[in-house]
Amino acid sequence: MNTSGDVVCIGESMAVFVPAREARTWTQGVGGAESNVACHLASRGLRSRWVSALGDDSFGRTVLGRVRASGVDTADVHIDPVRPTGLYFKEPGAVTYYRRGSAASALGPDLLDRISLERTSLVHVSGITAALSPSCLDLLRAVLGDRRGDYRVSFDVNWRPALWECGGGPELLRELADAADIVLVGSDEADALWGTDDPAEIRKLLPKPETLVVKQGADGATLIESGQRVFEPALAVDVVEPVGAGDAFAAGFLASTLDGRGPERRLRSGHLSAAGTLLTHEDVGEQLPAELVSALLDADEPAWRGARVSTEGVKLG
C-alpha cells in the first residue's frame, strides 16, 4: 500500500491542556501547526499525511488518534519508546511548554530516508521545527535543499520567540524561508524578526521563493508572485479565539493553490478557512458551510467586504 499523500506535513504536535470551567480541572486537546494544516487539508478532501514522532505514552496515543480521526494519513509517525510526547498548557495570556527532549525533537534529516515522497505535490513545514533542536534544524535544511521529487515546499515562518531564547531566530528563519517555494509570514512576525511589515520590503529580504504571502491580520493578506502583487481584505469575524487561524489560512491558501486557482481566490480561500477557526476555542475549527464558502468565493468586492461572520452565521452587507 502506498502511503504517500498529495501533501506531506512534517512537524511536532503535542498534547495541549486548557482550563475547564470547573475549578482545578483541565481539558486535553491536540496542538501542532503542521498537523493542524494536515487536518484542514483532509477536511477539504485532499490526501494529507502528517509525519512526526510521538512518545509511547497516553498523550502520544491521544494525539495520534485525533489526527488520524480527522482523515490524515499517520502511517509515518514514529513512536519513540524512550522520549515523551511534548505537552503545553494554555491559559489566558500565557502558554507554558514542556517539549524539551520530546520525541519530535529527536527528528533529523535521516527521516527523509524512511518516508516516500514519490507521489507528493507539496511538503509543508514551519519555523517552529527549526527551534526544537540542532537535528530538527538539519531536517528542515534537508527538506528545503534536498529535493527528492517533483514537489514544492511551503514554509510558514511561525515565529515563536520563547523557542528562540538562545538567539539566532531572525537569521535562520530568513535563510530557511528564502529556500522555500511558498512562504507564509505574518506582518507582525516579519516586523519582529526583520524590522519591517511592508510586503515589498519583505519581498526584498526573501527574493527567491516563487510565492510570498504576507498575512496582515484583520486587514487582509498580500500575495506577491510572478511580479504581481495582490491584496485581498480579510472577512470581518466576531473572533472567539485566534489560536490556529494562521494554520487554517495556510491550509485554505495551499489547497486552492494546488487546485490551480487565481490569486484573489487563493487568498479568499485562506480567509474563509481562517474564519472557521476564529469562531472556536479549538486549534482546528469547523469549516464554514460549503454553500456559503462557494458564494463568498464568487462574491463581488462590495459583498465580500460587507460580509460578517459570527457563531450565529454570516450576515451579508
Protein backbone atom coordinates (compact mmCIF):
# COMPACT_ATOMS: atom_id res chain seq x y z
CA MET A 1 0.00 0.00 0.00
CA ASN A 2 1.37 3.41 -0.95
CA THR A 3 1.10 5.82 1.98
CA SER A 4 2.15 8.92 0.06
CA GLY A 5 -0.28 11.80 0.02
CA ASP A 6 -0.66 14.88 -2.13
CA VAL A 7 0.56 17.00 0.80
CA VAL A 8 3.08 15.92 3.44
CA CYS A 9 3.20 17.99 6.65
CA ILE A 10 6.27 17.50 8.86
CA GLY A 11 6.50 18.80 12.43
CA GLU A 12 5.76 18.30 16.11
CA SER A 13 2.31 18.04 17.65
CA MET A 14 1.69 17.98 21.37
CA ALA A 15 -0.97 17.29 23.92
CA VAL A 16 -2.46 20.63 24.94
CA PHE A 17 -4.31 21.36 28.16
CA VAL A 18 -6.71 24.27 28.67
CA PRO A 19 -8.54 25.19 31.89
CA ALA A 20 -12.02 23.72 32.13
CA ARG A 21 -14.91 25.62 33.62
CA GLU A 22 -14.72 23.51 36.77
CA ALA A 23 -12.03 24.67 39.19
CA ARG A 24 -8.67 22.87 39.08
CA THR A 25 -9.52 20.72 36.07
CA TRP A 26 -8.11 20.71 32.57
CA THR A 27 -9.38 19.71 29.16
CA GLN A 28 -6.95 17.85 26.91
CA GLY A 29 -6.64 18.59 23.22
CA VAL A 30 -4.06 18.47 20.44
CA GLY A 31 -1.85 21.30 19.23
CA GLY A 32 0.61 21.44 16.36
CA ALA A 33 0.92 23.79 13.39
CA GLU A 34 1.74 21.15 10.80
CA SER A 35 -0.85 18.59 11.91
CA ASN A 36 -3.42 21.42 12.02
CA VAL A 37 -2.71 22.11 8.36
CA ALA A 38 -2.91 18.40 7.56
CA CYS A 39 -6.30 18.13 9.29
CA HIS A 40 -7.71 21.13 7.43
CA LEU A 41 -6.50 19.74 4.11
CA ALA A 42 -8.05 16.35 4.83
CA SER A 43 -11.38 18.02 5.64
CA ARG A 44 -11.25 19.53 2.15
CA GLY A 45 -10.85 16.10 0.58
CA LEU A 46 -7.12 16.31 -0.11
CA ARG A 47 -4.84 13.39 0.69
CA SER A 48 -2.68 14.70 3.50
CA ARG A 49 -0.02 12.95 5.52
CA TRP A 50 1.43 14.05 8.85
CA VAL A 51 4.99 12.92 9.60
CA SER A 52 6.39 13.28 13.11
CA ALA A 53 7.36 11.40 16.28
CA LEU A 54 5.43 10.80 19.49
CA GLY A 55 6.22 9.16 22.79
CA ASP A 56 4.92 5.71 23.64
CA ASP A 57 2.54 7.20 26.20
CA SER A 58 -1.12 8.08 26.64
CA PHE A 59 -0.56 11.63 25.39
CA GLY A 60 1.02 10.36 22.18
CA ARG A 61 -1.79 7.89 21.62
CA THR A 62 -4.36 10.67 22.07
CA VAL A 63 -2.57 12.96 19.61
CA LEU A 64 -2.20 10.17 17.05
CA GLY A 65 -5.83 9.10 17.40
CA ARG A 66 -7.26 12.57 16.98
CA VAL A 67 -5.16 13.46 13.96
CA ARG A 68 -5.96 10.10 12.35
CA ALA A 69 -9.66 10.57 13.09
CA SER A 70 -9.54 13.77 11.02
CA GLY A 71 -8.74 11.69 7.95
CA VAL A 72 -4.99 12.33 7.95
CA ASP A 73 -2.54 9.56 6.99
CA THR A 74 -0.37 8.94 10.09
CA ALA A 75 1.43 5.81 8.88
CA ASP A 76 4.81 7.52 9.03
CA VAL A 77 4.53 8.81 12.60
CA HIS A 78 7.34 7.25 14.63
CA ILE A 79 6.55 6.03 18.16
CA ASP A 80 9.62 6.65 20.31
CA PRO A 81 9.98 4.09 23.12
CA VAL A 82 12.17 6.40 25.23
CA ARG A 83 11.35 10.08 24.67
CA PRO A 84 7.98 11.54 25.72
CA THR A 85 5.28 13.36 23.82
CA GLY A 86 5.54 17.12 24.19
CA LEU A 87 2.96 18.99 26.27
CA TYR A 88 1.79 22.54 26.68
CA PHE A 89 -0.65 24.34 28.92
CA LYS A 90 -2.68 27.22 27.54
CA GLU A 91 -4.12 29.76 29.97
CA PRO A 92 -5.48 33.25 29.33
CA GLY A 93 -2.48 35.36 28.37
CA ALA A 94 0.11 32.61 28.85
CA VAL A 95 1.35 29.39 27.23
CA THR A 96 3.75 27.04 29.05
CA TYR A 97 5.63 24.41 27.03
CA TYR A 98 7.07 21.08 28.19
CA ARG A 99 8.70 19.92 24.98
CA ARG A 100 12.44 19.82 25.65
CA GLY A 101 13.70 16.30 24.98
CA SER A 102 10.43 15.32 23.33
CA ALA A 103 10.19 12.54 20.76
CA ALA A 104 9.80 15.04 17.93
CA SER A 105 12.89 16.99 19.00
CA ALA A 106 14.98 13.94 18.04
CA LEU A 107 13.85 14.09 14.40
CA GLY A 108 16.65 14.65 11.90
CA PRO A 109 17.47 14.57 8.19
CA ASP A 110 17.54 10.75 8.21
CA LEU A 111 13.74 10.98 8.35
CA LEU A 112 13.76 11.61 4.61
CA ASP A 113 15.34 8.19 4.06
CA ARG A 114 12.42 6.50 5.83
CA ILE A 115 9.46 8.07 4.04
CA SER A 116 8.29 8.10 0.45
CA LEU A 117 7.74 11.39 -1.37
CA GLU A 118 7.13 9.74 -4.73
CA ARG A 119 3.57 10.99 -5.20
CA THR A 120 3.87 14.18 -3.22
CA SER A 121 2.78 17.52 -4.67
CA LEU A 122 3.72 19.65 -1.67
CA VAL A 123 5.73 19.34 1.54
CA HIS A 124 4.68 21.76 4.29
CA VAL A 125 6.95 22.75 7.19
CA SER A 126 7.24 25.61 9.65
CA GLY A 127 9.88 27.58 11.51
CA ILE A 128 8.83 26.01 14.80
CA THR A 129 10.68 22.82 13.90
CA ALA A 130 13.95 24.71 13.40
CA ALA A 131 13.91 25.81 17.05
CA LEU A 132 13.37 22.39 18.61
CA SER A 133 16.92 21.02 18.30
CA PRO A 134 20.01 21.11 16.05
CA SER A 135 18.89 17.87 14.39
CA CYS A 136 15.46 19.36 13.66
CA LEU A 137 17.14 22.38 12.07
CA ASP A 138 19.17 19.97 9.94
CA LEU A 139 15.93 18.24 8.95
CA LEU A 140 14.42 21.49 7.70
CA ARG A 141 17.56 22.33 5.76
CA ALA A 142 17.39 18.88 4.16
CA VAL A 143 13.69 19.25 3.30
CA LEU A 144 14.33 22.62 1.71
CA GLY A 145 17.56 21.72 -0.02
CA ASP A 146 17.50 18.01 -0.85
CA ARG A 147 14.50 17.71 -3.17
CA ARG A 148 13.69 14.07 -3.80
CA GLY A 149 10.87 14.51 -6.22
CA ASP A 150 8.85 16.94 -8.28
CA TYR A 151 7.15 18.75 -5.41
CA ARG A 152 7.08 22.22 -3.93
CA VAL A 153 7.91 23.12 -0.34
CA SER A 154 5.81 25.59 1.63
CA PHE A 155 7.24 27.26 4.73
CA ASP A 156 5.18 29.04 7.38
CA VAL A 157 7.54 31.20 9.43
CA ASN A 158 5.56 30.71 12.69
CA TRP A 159 7.77 32.91 14.85
CA ARG A 160 7.72 31.68 18.47
CA PRO A 161 10.09 33.91 20.49
CA ALA A 162 10.03 31.64 23.55
CA LEU A 163 11.59 28.84 21.49
CA TRP A 164 14.50 31.04 20.40
CA GLU A 165 15.78 32.22 23.78
CA CYS A 166 19.34 31.35 22.75
CA GLY A 167 19.06 33.65 19.72
CA GLY A 168 19.63 33.08 16.03
CA GLY A 169 15.98 33.06 15.05
CA PRO A 170 15.83 36.03 12.66
CA GLU A 171 18.83 34.94 10.58
CA LEU A 172 17.93 31.26 10.49
CA LEU A 173 14.29 31.84 9.66
CA ARG A 174 15.22 34.17 6.85
CA GLU A 175 17.64 31.55 5.48
CA LEU A 176 15.01 28.81 5.61
CA ALA A 177 12.19 30.94 4.21
CA ASP A 178 14.30 32.05 1.27
CA ALA A 179 14.91 28.40 0.32
CA ALA A 180 11.19 27.56 0.08
CA ASP A 181 8.88 27.75 -2.93
CA ILE A 182 5.94 29.18 -0.99
CA VAL A 183 6.37 31.35 2.13
CA LEU A 184 3.68 32.47 4.55
CA VAL A 185 4.54 35.07 7.18
CA GLY A 186 2.56 37.41 9.38
CA SER A 187 3.33 41.11 9.00
CA ASP A 188 3.78 41.29 12.79
CA GLU A 189 6.21 38.36 12.65
CA ALA A 190 8.24 39.99 9.88
CA ASP A 191 8.37 43.24 11.82
CA ALA A 192 9.62 41.47 14.96
CA LEU A 193 12.15 39.39 13.02
CA TRP A 194 13.41 41.70 10.29
CA GLY A 195 12.21 45.17 11.20
CA THR A 196 9.57 45.66 8.50
CA ASP A 197 5.92 44.77 7.95
CA ASP A 198 5.82 46.13 4.38
CA PRO A 199 5.22 43.30 1.87
CA ALA A 200 7.51 44.93 -0.72
CA GLU A 201 10.36 45.17 1.78
CA ILE A 202 9.78 41.61 2.98
CA ARG A 203 9.99 40.51 -0.66
CA LYS A 204 13.40 42.18 -0.93
CA LEU A 205 14.53 40.15 2.08
CA LEU A 206 13.13 36.94 0.53
CA PRO A 207 13.77 37.22 -3.21
CA LYS A 208 13.98 33.51 -4.10
CA PRO A 209 10.56 31.97 -3.26
CA GLU A 210 8.11 31.75 -6.13
CA THR A 211 5.25 32.80 -3.86
CA LEU A 212 5.19 35.10 -0.82
CA VAL A 213 2.09 35.63 1.30
CA VAL A 214 2.12 38.31 3.97
CA LYS A 215 -0.75 37.86 6.42
CA GLN A 216 -1.84 41.25 7.74
CA GLY A 217 -4.21 40.20 10.49
CA ALA A 218 -7.71 41.60 10.41
CA ASP A 219 -6.77 43.84 7.47
CA GLY A 220 -6.19 41.02 4.99
CA ALA A 221 -3.29 39.40 3.16
CA THR A 222 -0.95 40.27 0.30
CA LEU A 223 0.29 37.81 -2.31
CA ILE A 224 3.45 38.58 -4.29
CA GLU A 225 4.10 36.20 -7.16
CA SER A 226 5.48 36.42 -10.71
CA GLY A 227 5.96 40.16 -10.39
CA GLN A 228 2.32 40.62 -9.40
CA ARG A 229 1.11 41.99 -6.06
CA VAL A 230 -2.46 41.26 -4.95
CA PHE A 231 -4.15 42.32 -1.71
CA GLU A 232 -7.37 40.72 -0.51
CA PRO A 233 -9.14 42.07 2.60
CA ALA A 234 -9.96 39.67 5.39
CA LEU A 235 -13.53 38.79 6.28
CA ALA A 236 -15.00 40.57 9.26
CA VAL A 237 -15.22 37.93 12.01
CA ASP A 238 -16.53 38.04 15.59
CA VAL A 239 -13.42 36.34 16.98
CA VAL A 240 -13.78 33.78 19.75
CA GLU A 241 -10.06 32.86 19.84
CA PRO A 242 -7.27 33.49 17.31
CA VAL A 243 -5.14 30.40 18.02
CA GLY A 244 -4.85 28.16 14.96
CA ALA A 245 -6.21 30.70 12.49
CA GLY A 246 -2.83 31.05 10.77
CA ASP A 247 -2.67 27.31 10.15
CA ALA A 248 -6.23 27.35 8.81
CA PHE A 249 -5.35 30.22 6.46
CA ALA A 250 -2.29 28.32 5.24
CA ALA A 251 -4.37 25.21 4.52
CA GLY A 252 -7.04 27.15 2.63
CA PHE A 253 -4.48 29.03 0.58
CA LEU A 254 -2.42 25.91 -0.19
CA ALA A 255 -5.47 23.84 -1.14
CA SER A 256 -6.60 26.50 -3.58
CA THR A 257 -3.05 26.84 -4.92
CA LEU A 258 -2.86 23.11 -5.59
CA ASP A 259 -6.20 23.44 -7.37
CA GLY A 260 -4.64 25.98 -9.74
CA ARG A 261 -6.82 28.93 -8.70
CA GLY A 262 -6.08 32.60 -9.28
CA PRO A 263 -4.53 34.97 -6.72
CA GLU A 264 -7.71 36.54 -5.32
CA ARG A 265 -9.49 33.20 -4.94
CA ARG A 266 -6.48 31.63 -3.20
CA LEU A 267 -6.35 34.46 -0.67
CA ARG A 268 -10.11 34.34 -0.12
CA SER A 269 -9.88 30.60 0.43
CA GLY A 270 -7.32 31.26 3.15
CA HIS A 271 -9.51 33.90 4.79
CA LEU A 272 -12.57 31.64 4.73
CA SER A 273 -10.67 28.76 6.25
CA ALA A 274 -9.28 31.01 8.99
CA ALA A 275 -12.76 32.34 9.77
CA GLY A 276 -14.00 28.88 10.75
CA THR A 277 -11.19 28.50 13.30
CA LEU A 278 -11.58 32.05 14.66
CA LEU A 279 -15.12 31.11 15.72
CA THR A 280 -13.98 28.35 18.10
CA HIS A 281 -11.65 27.66 21.02
CA GLU A 282 -10.20 24.72 19.08
CA ASP A 283 -6.91 24.83 17.16
CA VAL A 284 -8.74 23.20 14.23
CA GLY A 285 -12.21 24.66 13.86
CA GLU A 286 -15.08 23.59 11.66
CA GLN A 287 -15.24 24.70 8.06
CA LEU A 288 -17.90 27.21 7.14
CA PRO A 289 -20.86 25.68 5.23
CA ALA A 290 -19.87 24.73 1.68
CA GLU A 291 -22.65 26.72 0.04
CA LEU A 292 -21.61 29.84 1.95
CA VAL A 293 -17.96 29.36 1.03
CA SER A 294 -18.87 28.99 -2.63
CA ALA A 295 -20.99 32.14 -2.56
CA LEU A 296 -18.30 34.22 -0.88
CA LEU A 297 -15.54 32.96 -3.13
CA ASP A 298 -17.51 34.25 -6.11
CA ALA A 299 -18.86 37.40 -4.44
CA ASP A 300 -18.09 40.83 -5.86
CA GLU A 301 -15.82 43.11 -3.84
CA PRO A 302 -18.59 45.07 -2.04
CA ALA A 303 -20.36 41.87 -1.00
CA TRP A 304 -17.11 40.35 0.25
CA ARG A 305 -16.18 43.44 2.24
CA GLY A 306 -19.70 43.72 3.64
CA ALA A 307 -19.93 40.15 4.94
CA ARG A 308 -19.59 39.47 8.68
CA VAL A 309 -19.06 36.02 10.20
CA SER A 310 -20.17 35.08 13.71
CA THR A 311 -21.17 31.97 15.63
CA GLU A 312 -24.76 32.77 14.64
CA GLY A 313 -23.98 32.66 10.94
CA VAL A 314 -22.98 35.09 8.22
CA LYS A 315 -24.56 38.45 7.52
CA LEU A 316 -24.06 39.75 4.01
CA GLY A 317 -23.75 43.50 3.63
